Amino acid sequence: MGVKNVFVKTLGCKVNQVESAYIVEKLAEAGFSFSSEDSSKILILNSCIVTSKAEAETRKIIKKWLKLNPEVIILTGCYAQKFSKEATKLFKNNEKTLFLVLGQKEKLKIAEILKNTLNKKEEISSPFVLVEDISEEKTCPPVILNQFFAHSRAFVKVQDGCDNFCSYCIVPYTRGRPRSVPLEFILKQIEIFVEKGYREIVLTGIHLGKWGIDLNPPQRLTTLLIETEKFLSSFNKEFSIRLSSIEVNEIDEAFFEFIKNSKFIAPHFHIPLQSGSNKILKLMNRNYTREKYLETLEKLYEIYPYATFGADVIVGFPGEDEKDFRDTYELVKVSPLNWLHIFPYSERPGTPAEKLNFKVPQKEIEERKKLLKDLIEEKRKRFLEKELGKIRKAVLESFDRNKLMWKALSENYITTYLTLDKNSNRDEKLKRALIKVKFLKREDDYLVGNFLKLL
């Protein structure tokens, strides 16, 4: 087998990004090289189907790639896991390209599967489907990276799967039950990243708060946080530990106690809301009330009044009337929330919500989405202005050649632009460095800061 050029594209969540990085490393170790989308012989798509838009994007990319006539196309990730039969139809009447559909378990063996496939290409019929039942999977193999190219912050996959079965969500059917990476492997990954110069660790999973429930003996997320902080403290440096997301029901007294005493926890809490209406929350099978959500956020705010409080909100869920939307709007308005990811409801096949009546007209969904967007933009603006004059930790992400300034992300999730001293302003080695910055002025949705010192 001669050297083959590969192109890998990733859609979706942070876990997909980590897994794609792992695929790239394994392909490089197997002797593959990498090139652009147009010039590569092998094209790999790590897909997402959390919304119908993401699902449509997957199909669009595959159809576009077929026109390029590559030697091999590999479709993996959530689309491949859930819609393997539909995926093969995308490949109808194409004899020039070998088409592989690989599930979640098979994803991490792509390098090995691809090498074997290329060596036996004449014996393999296309499309070739290799998708095991993910619901039977009981373990979470560690995804250990030696590098996290193009990233200034290190994402560590600690967990996979979810069994909450929210009525609108397809993820449990594509990722399986909650499964945890044992602590020793998480710390091993963190150690590798620290040695590579990373100073921010982002703990990520499909349902992060479920970490540890399947281990023997069972453990809790706070155990992972305590052990991670203890391990990072041994390096005698400043670090930042960021949580990708945590459910409101998983924020307990042990969690509050940890964040009160933590040296490294990032004051940034992404806590999915989905709706501020108790009626809709029940239909969604979310298992909390608006009152519980608000009370928890207010407790967090007492500890970290300068934190970014983010949430996902679904607008236009079946049965959402004007009062339900107003409940959501009012909760966002009075709560500490200052960052939102607003999704129009997206019907997912096979979910209980698909069968619900009282669909909300698209025009109303768009109007409600705009009202929330305007509200959160105003709240974010006030939050940013309140931060002016404050000093925060931040990670240097990249040098912006248009602004001739460094882009950084603060501990409390504020995009910041700043200038370093003349000798080091363009030094790419400073990427990933942890610094102290003083916020000076607001420009649109970011702040301009004054560099104080390296940490």
Protein backbone atom coordinates (compact mmCIF):
# COMPACT_ATOMS: atom_id res chain seq x y z
CA MET A 1 0.00 0.00 0.00
CA GLY A 2 1.47 3.35 -1.06
CA VAL A 3 1.07 6.44 1.08
CA LYS A 4 -2.53 7.67 0.90
CA ASN A 5 -3.70 11.19 1.64
CA VAL A 6 -6.57 11.48 4.13
CA PHE A 7 -8.99 14.27 5.04
CA VAL A 8 -11.03 14.09 8.27
CA LYS A 9 -14.08 16.30 8.89
CA THR A 10 -15.91 16.53 12.23
CA LEU A 11 -19.46 17.60 12.99
CA GLY A 12 -20.99 18.02 16.44
CA CYS A 13 -19.86 17.85 20.03
CA LYS A 14 -16.57 18.08 21.93
CA VAL A 15 -16.52 14.28 22.32
CA ASN A 16 -16.58 13.94 18.52
CA GLN A 17 -13.67 16.41 18.32
CA VAL A 18 -11.60 14.32 20.74
CA GLU A 19 -12.43 11.11 18.90
CA SER A 20 -11.52 12.67 15.54
CA ALA A 21 -8.17 13.79 16.97
CA TYR A 22 -7.60 10.19 18.08
CA ILE A 23 -8.49 8.90 14.59
CA VAL A 24 -5.99 11.34 13.05
CA GLU A 25 -3.22 10.21 15.43
CA LYS A 26 -3.84 6.55 14.72
CA LEU A 27 -3.90 7.15 10.95
CA ALA A 28 -0.58 9.03 11.17
CA GLU A 29 0.95 6.16 13.17
CA ALA A 30 -0.28 3.75 10.47
CA GLY A 31 1.61 5.68 7.79
CA PHE A 32 -1.16 7.81 6.29
CA SER A 33 -0.57 11.46 5.40
CA PHE A 34 -3.07 14.32 5.38
CA SER A 35 -4.18 16.74 2.73
CA SER A 36 -7.07 18.98 1.70
CA GLU A 37 -10.60 17.82 1.02
CA ASP A 38 -10.19 18.20 -2.76
CA SER A 39 -6.86 16.40 -3.07
CA SER A 40 -7.27 13.50 -0.62
CA LYS A 41 -7.89 9.93 -1.78
CA ILE A 42 -9.61 9.00 1.50
CA LEU A 43 -12.36 11.15 3.05
CA ILE A 44 -13.64 10.50 6.60
CA LEU A 45 -16.71 12.15 8.15
CA ASN A 46 -17.35 11.90 11.91
CA SER A 47 -21.05 12.79 11.88
CA CYS A 48 -23.73 14.24 14.16
CA ILE A 49 -27.54 13.90 14.15
CA VAL A 50 -28.52 15.79 17.32
CA THR A 51 -30.73 18.00 15.09
CA SER A 52 -32.28 17.52 11.65
CA LYS A 53 -29.94 20.29 10.45
CA ALA A 54 -26.87 18.28 11.50
CA GLU A 55 -28.34 15.18 9.87
CA ALA A 56 -28.95 17.08 6.61
CA GLU A 57 -25.40 18.46 6.73
CA THR A 58 -24.06 14.88 6.88
CA ARG A 59 -25.98 13.89 3.74
CA LYS A 60 -24.91 17.08 1.97
CA ILE A 61 -21.22 16.42 2.67
CA ILE A 62 -21.39 12.79 1.49
CA LYS A 63 -23.13 13.80 -1.76
CA LYS A 64 -20.51 16.49 -2.34
CA TRP A 65 -17.68 14.03 -1.68
CA LEU A 66 -19.09 11.46 -4.12
CA LYS A 67 -18.67 14.04 -6.90
CA LEU A 68 -14.93 14.22 -6.07
CA ASN A 69 -14.54 10.50 -6.89
CA PRO A 70 -12.14 9.65 -4.03
CA GLU A 71 -10.83 6.13 -3.55
CA VAL A 72 -12.56 5.69 -0.17
CA ILE A 73 -15.29 7.48 1.82
CA ILE A 74 -15.79 6.53 5.46
CA LEU A 75 -18.92 7.66 7.30
CA THR A 76 -18.77 7.20 11.06
CA GLY A 77 -20.29 8.73 14.20
CA CYS A 78 -23.94 9.14 15.13
CA TYR A 79 -25.41 9.09 11.59
CA ALA A 80 -23.63 5.83 10.82
CA GLN A 81 -24.72 4.33 14.14
CA LYS A 82 -28.41 5.21 13.81
CA PHE A 83 -28.99 5.31 10.04
CA SER A 84 -26.59 2.74 8.57
CA LYS A 85 -29.18 1.45 6.05
CA GLU A 86 -30.09 4.97 4.95
CA ALA A 87 -26.39 5.74 4.62
CA THR A 88 -25.85 2.96 2.08
CA LYS A 89 -28.58 4.49 -0.13
CA LEU A 90 -26.48 7.66 -0.43
CA PHE A 91 -23.97 5.53 -2.27
CA LYS A 92 -26.32 4.03 -4.84
CA ASN A 93 -24.95 3.53 -8.38
CA ASN A 94 -21.38 4.59 -7.53
CA GLU A 95 -18.75 2.07 -8.53
CA LYS A 96 -15.65 4.28 -8.38
CA THR A 97 -15.54 4.86 -4.60
CA LEU A 98 -15.38 2.32 -1.79
CA PHE A 99 -17.92 3.36 0.86
CA LEU A 100 -17.48 2.28 4.51
CA VAL A 101 -20.11 2.85 7.21
CA LEU A 102 -18.59 2.40 10.68
CA GLY A 103 -20.40 2.64 14.03
CA GLN A 104 -19.28 4.23 17.30
CA LYS A 105 -17.30 1.19 18.50
CA GLU A 106 -15.65 0.75 15.11
CA LYS A 107 -14.79 4.46 14.89
CA LEU A 108 -11.75 4.12 17.14
CA LYS A 109 -10.38 1.29 14.97
CA ILE A 110 -10.57 3.22 11.69
CA ALA A 111 -6.82 3.11 11.02
CA GLU A 112 -6.72 -0.67 11.38
CA ILE A 113 -9.96 -1.22 9.42
CA LEU A 114 -8.83 1.12 6.63
CA LYS A 115 -5.45 -0.55 6.27
CA ASN A 116 -7.03 -4.01 6.06
CA THR A 117 -9.64 -2.73 3.61
CA LEU A 118 -7.07 -1.23 1.25
CA ASN A 119 -5.04 -4.45 1.31
CA LYS A 120 -8.13 -6.52 0.41
CA LYS A 121 -9.97 -3.95 -1.66
CA GLU A 122 -10.86 -6.37 -4.45
CA GLU A 123 -12.53 -8.75 -1.97
CA ILE A 124 -14.76 -6.15 -0.30
CA SER A 125 -18.18 -5.27 -1.64
CA SER A 126 -19.23 -1.64 -1.37
CA PRO A 127 -20.95 -0.23 0.58
CA PHE A 128 -19.35 -2.05 3.51
CA VAL A 129 -21.23 -1.69 6.83
CA LEU A 130 -19.70 -2.44 10.21
CA VAL A 131 -22.02 -1.22 12.99
CA GLU A 132 -22.46 -3.07 16.29
CA ASP A 133 -25.34 -2.53 18.73
CA ILE A 134 -24.09 0.30 20.95
CA SER A 135 -26.75 -0.37 23.61
CA GLU A 136 -24.84 -3.53 24.57
CA GLU A 137 -21.59 -1.66 25.20
CA LYS A 138 -20.60 -1.64 28.89
CA THR A 139 -17.17 0.01 28.92
CA CYS A 140 -15.63 3.27 27.71
CA PRO A 141 -12.19 2.64 26.17
CA PRO A 142 -9.76 5.46 27.05
CA VAL A 143 -9.06 7.82 24.16
CA ILE A 144 -5.49 8.87 24.95
CA LEU A 145 -4.09 11.63 22.73
CA ASN A 146 -0.46 12.66 22.46
CA GLN A 147 -1.43 15.99 20.93
CA PHE A 148 -4.57 18.03 20.33
CA PHE A 149 -3.65 19.87 17.16
CA ALA A 150 -5.06 23.35 16.48
CA HIS A 151 -6.49 23.56 20.01
CA SER A 152 -5.24 25.84 22.78
CA ARG A 153 -7.32 24.09 25.43
CA ALA A 154 -7.13 20.35 26.11
CA PHE A 155 -10.38 18.40 25.88
CA VAL A 156 -10.33 15.19 27.92
CA LYS A 157 -13.04 12.60 27.20
CA VAL A 158 -13.98 11.12 30.58
CA GLN A 159 -17.33 9.55 29.78
CA ASP A 160 -19.65 8.35 27.00
CA GLY A 161 -23.37 7.59 26.73
CA CYS A 162 -26.59 8.78 28.36
CA ASP A 163 -29.68 7.07 29.73
CA ASN A 164 -31.83 10.10 30.58
CA PHE A 165 -34.00 9.57 27.50
CA CYS A 166 -35.28 13.13 27.24
CA SER A 167 -38.32 12.82 24.99
CA TYR A 168 -36.81 14.91 22.14
CA CYS A 169 -33.29 13.46 22.19
CA ILE A 170 -31.78 10.86 19.88
CA VAL A 171 -28.39 10.70 21.65
CA PRO A 172 -29.08 7.67 23.94
CA TYR A 173 -29.86 5.65 20.80
CA THR A 174 -26.58 6.63 19.13
CA ARG A 175 -24.19 6.64 22.12
CA GLY A 176 -25.53 3.90 24.40
CA ARG A 177 -25.70 3.75 28.18
CA PRO A 178 -23.43 5.88 30.45
CA ARG A 179 -19.89 4.49 30.60
CA SER A 180 -16.93 6.02 32.40
CA VAL A 181 -13.21 6.19 31.70
CA PRO A 182 -11.41 5.00 34.89
CA LEU A 183 -9.65 7.77 36.84
CA GLU A 184 -6.12 6.44 36.22
CA PHE A 185 -6.50 6.87 32.43
CA ILE A 186 -7.98 10.36 32.80
CA LEU A 187 -4.99 11.45 34.90
CA LYS A 188 -2.63 9.84 32.39
CA GLN A 189 -4.21 11.92 29.59
CA ILE A 190 -4.02 15.09 31.70
CA GLU A 191 -0.34 14.44 32.42
CA ILE A 192 0.41 14.12 28.68
CA PHE A 193 -1.39 17.39 27.98
CA VAL A 194 0.39 19.22 30.81
CA GLU A 195 3.75 18.03 29.44
CA LYS A 196 2.71 19.45 26.04
CA GLY A 197 2.13 22.85 27.62
CA TYR A 198 -1.65 22.91 28.02
CA ARG A 199 -2.84 24.94 31.02
CA GLU A 200 -6.60 24.52 30.63
CA ILE A 201 -8.21 21.10 30.93
CA VAL A 202 -11.79 20.74 29.67
CA LEU A 203 -13.51 17.67 31.08
CA THR A 204 -16.02 16.43 28.56
CA GLY A 205 -18.48 13.61 28.01
CA ILE A 206 -21.85 12.90 26.47
CA HIS A 207 -23.38 13.21 29.96
CA LEU A 208 -20.52 14.43 32.14
CA GLY A 209 -22.44 14.25 35.43
CA LYS A 210 -22.90 10.49 34.99
CA TRP A 211 -19.15 9.90 35.33
CA GLY A 212 -18.41 7.13 37.80
CA ILE A 213 -21.86 5.57 38.21
CA ASP A 214 -20.82 2.41 36.33
CA LEU A 215 -17.41 2.00 37.98
CA ASN A 216 -16.73 -0.56 40.71
CA PRO A 217 -17.21 0.80 43.31
CA PRO A 218 -19.43 3.59 41.91
CA GLN A 219 -17.96 7.10 42.09
CA ARG A 220 -19.22 10.67 41.68
CA LEU A 221 -18.19 13.56 39.47
CA THR A 222 -16.92 15.48 42.51
CA THR A 223 -14.43 12.64 43.14
CA LEU A 224 -13.07 13.16 39.63
CA LEU A 225 -12.87 16.93 40.17
CA ILE A 226 -11.08 16.61 43.51
CA GLU A 227 -8.56 14.09 42.12
CA THR A 228 -7.98 16.17 38.98
CA GLU A 229 -7.27 19.28 41.02
CA LYS A 230 -5.01 17.38 43.41
CA PHE A 231 -3.06 15.95 40.46
CA LEU A 232 -2.68 19.33 38.73
CA SER A 233 -1.55 20.93 42.01
CA SER A 234 1.45 18.57 42.03
CA PHE A 235 2.92 20.47 39.04
CA ASN A 236 3.20 23.71 41.09
CA LYS A 237 1.66 25.79 38.32
CA GLU A 238 -1.60 27.63 37.72
CA PHE A 239 -4.24 25.70 35.75
CA SER A 240 -7.87 25.99 34.76
CA ILE A 241 -10.37 23.11 34.95
CA ARG A 242 -13.47 23.69 32.84
CA LEU A 243 -16.60 21.55 32.73
CA SER A 244 -18.18 21.15 29.30
CA SER A 245 -21.70 20.86 30.74
CA ILE A 246 -23.51 19.69 33.86
CA GLU A 247 -27.18 18.96 34.52
CA VAL A 248 -28.97 20.88 37.26
CA ASN A 249 -29.94 17.64 39.06
CA GLU A 250 -26.27 16.72 39.40
CA ILE A 251 -25.28 19.91 41.22
CA ASP A 252 -25.39 18.78 44.85
CA GLU A 253 -23.86 19.93 48.15
CA ALA A 254 -20.61 18.07 47.39
CA PHE A 255 -20.33 20.01 44.11
CA PHE A 256 -20.97 23.34 45.86
CA GLU A 257 -18.34 22.46 48.47
CA PHE A 258 -15.79 21.64 45.78
CA ILE A 259 -16.22 24.84 43.77
CA LYS A 260 -16.12 26.98 46.93
CA ASN A 261 -12.64 25.64 47.76
CA SER A 262 -11.23 25.00 44.29
CA LYS A 263 -8.14 26.86 43.08
CA PHE A 264 -8.58 25.85 39.44
CA ILE A 265 -12.28 25.51 38.58
CA ALA A 266 -13.30 27.86 35.77
CA PRO A 267 -16.22 30.12 36.75
CA HIS A 268 -18.19 29.01 33.72
CA PHE A 269 -21.19 26.75 34.20
CA HIS A 270 -23.14 25.43 31.24
CA ILE A 271 -26.37 24.03 32.68
CA PRO A 272 -28.95 22.96 30.06
CA LEU A 273 -32.37 24.50 30.69
CA GLN A 274 -34.38 23.51 27.55
CA SER A 275 -37.56 25.18 28.87
CA GLY A 276 -38.70 27.41 31.71
CA SER A 277 -42.19 25.91 31.69
CA ASN A 278 -42.91 23.11 34.16
CA LYS A 279 -45.50 21.71 31.76
CA ILE A 280 -42.99 21.50 28.91
CA LEU A 281 -40.19 20.22 31.18
CA LYS A 282 -42.47 17.33 32.13
CA LEU A 283 -43.27 16.58 28.49
CA MET A 284 -39.54 16.66 27.78
CA ASN A 285 -38.87 14.17 30.63
CA ARG A 286 -36.33 16.56 32.13
CA ASN A 287 -37.05 15.61 35.80
CA TYR A 288 -36.65 19.04 37.38
CA THR A 289 -38.76 22.17 37.77
CA ARG A 290 -38.15 25.80 36.85
CA GLU A 291 -38.00 26.54 40.59
CA LYS A 292 -35.24 23.95 41.15
CA TYR A 293 -33.26 25.33 38.19
CA LEU A 294 -33.51 28.93 39.36
CA GLU A 295 -32.64 28.07 42.96
CA THR A 296 -29.52 26.15 41.87
CA LEU A 297 -28.29 28.95 39.61
CA GLU A 298 -28.78 31.51 42.35
CA LYS A 299 -26.68 29.40 44.74
CA LEU A 300 -23.92 29.19 42.13
CA TYR A 301 -24.17 32.94 41.55
CA GLU A 302 -23.61 33.59 45.27
CA ILE A 303 -20.27 31.77 44.99
CA TYR A 304 -19.27 33.08 41.54
CA PRO A 305 -21.11 36.32 40.70
CA TYR A 306 -18.65 36.90 37.82
CA ALA A 307 -19.24 33.51 36.15
CA THR A 308 -20.66 32.89 32.71
CA PHE A 309 -23.89 30.97 33.21
CA GLY A 310 -24.84 29.28 29.96
CA ALA A 311 -27.76 27.11 28.91
CA ASP A 312 -29.36 25.35 25.97
CA VAL A 313 -32.99 26.29 25.28
CA ILE A 314 -35.37 24.58 22.86
CA VAL A 315 -37.97 26.90 21.33
CA GLY A 316 -41.20 25.52 19.86
CA PHE A 317 -41.38 22.13 21.55
CA PRO A 318 -44.74 20.46 20.72
CA GLY A 319 -47.43 21.90 22.98
CA GLU A 320 -45.46 25.04 23.87
CA ASP A 321 -48.08 27.80 24.00
CA GLU A 322 -47.58 31.51 24.63
CA LYS A 323 -47.65 31.09 28.42
CA ASP A 324 -45.02 28.31 28.28
CA PHE A 325 -42.73 30.49 26.20
CA ARG A 326 -43.30 33.44 28.58
CA ASP A 327 -42.28 31.19 31.48
CA THR A 328 -39.03 30.46 29.65
CA TYR A 329 -38.47 34.12 28.76
CA GLU A 330 -39.09 35.28 32.33
CA LEU A 331 -36.80 32.62 33.81
CA VAL A 332 -33.97 33.67 31.49
CA LYS A 333 -34.66 37.31 32.33
CA VAL A 334 -34.58 36.99 36.15
CA SER A 335 -31.91 34.29 36.43
CA PRO A 336 -28.11 34.74 36.37
CA LEU A 337 -28.05 33.28 32.82
CA ASN A 338 -25.89 35.43 30.54
CA TRP A 339 -25.19 33.08 27.59
CA LEU A 340 -27.65 30.96 25.58
CA HIS A 341 -27.58 28.40 22.81
CA ILE A 342 -31.08 28.64 21.32
CA PHE A 343 -32.36 25.70 19.28
CA PRO A 344 -35.61 25.62 17.32
CA TYR A 345 -37.29 22.29 18.14
CA SER A 346 -36.01 19.59 15.79
CA GLU A 347 -38.05 16.43 15.44
CA ARG A 348 -35.88 13.33 15.79
CA PRO A 349 -37.07 9.95 14.47
CA GLY A 350 -37.85 7.29 17.05
CA THR A 351 -38.12 9.70 20.00
CA PRO A 352 -41.31 10.01 22.11
CA ALA A 353 -41.64 13.71 21.20
CA GLU A 354 -42.07 12.74 17.55
CA LYS A 355 -45.55 11.41 18.44
CA LEU A 356 -46.68 14.54 20.31
CA ASN A 357 -49.43 16.72 18.85
CA PHE A 358 -49.80 20.50 18.88
CA LYS A 359 -46.81 21.36 16.70
CA VAL A 360 -45.79 25.01 16.92
CA PRO A 361 -45.86 26.90 13.57
CA GLN A 362 -42.42 27.77 12.20
CA LYS A 363 -43.25 31.50 12.13
CA GLU A 364 -43.96 31.46 15.88
CA ILE A 365 -40.78 29.50 16.56
CA GLU A 366 -38.72 32.13 14.71
CA GLU A 367 -40.44 34.99 16.57
CA ARG A 368 -39.82 33.36 19.96
CA LYS A 369 -36.24 32.59 19.05
CA LYS A 370 -35.64 36.26 18.18
CA LEU A 371 -37.17 37.47 21.45
CA LEU A 372 -34.84 35.20 23.44
CA LYS A 373 -31.86 36.17 21.28
CA ASP A 374 -32.49 39.88 21.86
CA LEU A 375 -32.89 39.29 25.60
CA ILE A 376 -29.70 37.30 26.04
CA GLU A 377 -27.67 39.71 23.88
CA GLU A 378 -28.69 42.56 26.18
CA LYS A 379 -27.89 40.49 29.29
CA ARG A 380 -24.51 39.47 27.85
CA LYS A 381 -23.69 43.08 27.03
CA ARG A 382 -24.45 44.13 30.64
CA PHE A 383 -22.37 41.22 31.95
CA LEU A 384 -19.37 42.19 29.80
CA GLU A 385 -19.59 45.83 30.86
CA LYS A 386 -19.72 44.78 34.50
CA GLU A 387 -16.39 42.97 33.95
CA LEU A 388 -14.55 46.12 32.80
CA GLY A 389 -11.65 46.89 35.13
CA LYS A 390 -11.58 43.32 36.48
CA ILE A 391 -8.50 41.06 36.39
CA ARG A 392 -8.98 37.44 35.25
CA LYS A 393 -7.01 34.41 34.15
CA ALA A 394 -7.11 33.66 30.42
CA VAL A 395 -5.67 31.20 27.90
CA LEU A 396 -3.94 32.56 24.79
CA GLU A 397 -5.65 30.91 21.81
CA SER A 398 -4.27 32.42 18.59
CA PHE A 399 -2.68 35.50 17.07
CA ASP A 400 -5.15 37.45 14.95
CA ARG A 401 -3.22 38.78 11.95
CA ASN A 402 -5.97 41.22 11.02
CA LYS A 403 -6.23 42.82 14.45
CA LEU A 404 -2.50 42.26 15.18
CA MET A 405 -3.62 41.13 18.64
CA TRP A 406 -3.83 37.88 20.56
CA LYS A 407 -7.21 36.26 21.02
CA ALA A 408 -7.68 34.77 24.48
CA LEU A 409 -10.46 33.06 26.40
CA SER A 410 -10.90 34.13 30.00
CA GLU A 411 -11.61 31.79 32.90
CA ASN A 412 -15.19 33.10 32.93
CA TYR A 413 -15.65 32.43 29.19
CA ILE A 414 -15.11 35.89 27.75
CA THR A 415 -13.39 36.27 24.39
CA THR A 416 -10.66 38.86 24.85
CA TYR A 417 -8.18 40.57 22.52
CA LEU A 418 -4.90 41.96 23.82
CA THR A 419 -1.37 42.93 22.84
CA LEU A 420 1.70 41.37 24.45
CA ASP A 421 5.08 43.13 24.62
CA LYS A 422 6.85 43.87 21.30
CA ASN A 423 9.34 40.99 21.58
CA SER A 424 6.74 38.26 22.07
CA ASN A 425 3.58 39.62 20.45
CA ARG A 426 3.77 37.22 17.50
CA ASP A 427 5.49 34.31 19.25
CA GLU A 428 3.34 31.27 18.36
CA LYS A 429 4.95 29.31 21.21
CA LEU A 430 2.81 31.36 23.59
CA LYS A 431 -0.34 29.64 22.35
CA ARG A 432 -1.90 27.71 25.30
CA ALA A 433 -0.15 29.96 27.84
CA LEU A 434 -2.11 31.03 30.90
CA ILE A 435 -2.00 34.76 31.59
CA LYS A 436 -3.48 37.49 33.77
CA VAL A 437 -5.46 40.11 31.85
CA LYS A 438 -7.23 43.30 32.87
CA PHE A 439 -10.41 44.08 30.91
CA LEU A 440 -10.41 47.61 29.49
CA LYS A 441 -13.28 48.09 27.04
CA ARG A 442 -16.11 46.27 25.28
CA GLU A 443 -16.26 45.83 21.50
CA ASP A 444 -19.45 44.06 20.36
CA ASP A 445 -19.41 40.61 21.99
CA TYR A 446 -15.81 40.63 23.22
CA LEU A 447 -13.54 42.64 25.50
CA VAL A 448 -10.21 44.31 24.84
CA GLY A 449 -7.75 43.71 27.63
CA ASN A 450 -4.36 44.70 28.96
CA PHE A 451 -1.82 41.88 29.35
CA LEU A 452 -0.46 41.82 32.91
CA LYS A 453 1.71 38.72 33.22
CA LEU A 454 2.30 35.09 32.30
CA LEU A 455 1.26 32.58 34.95
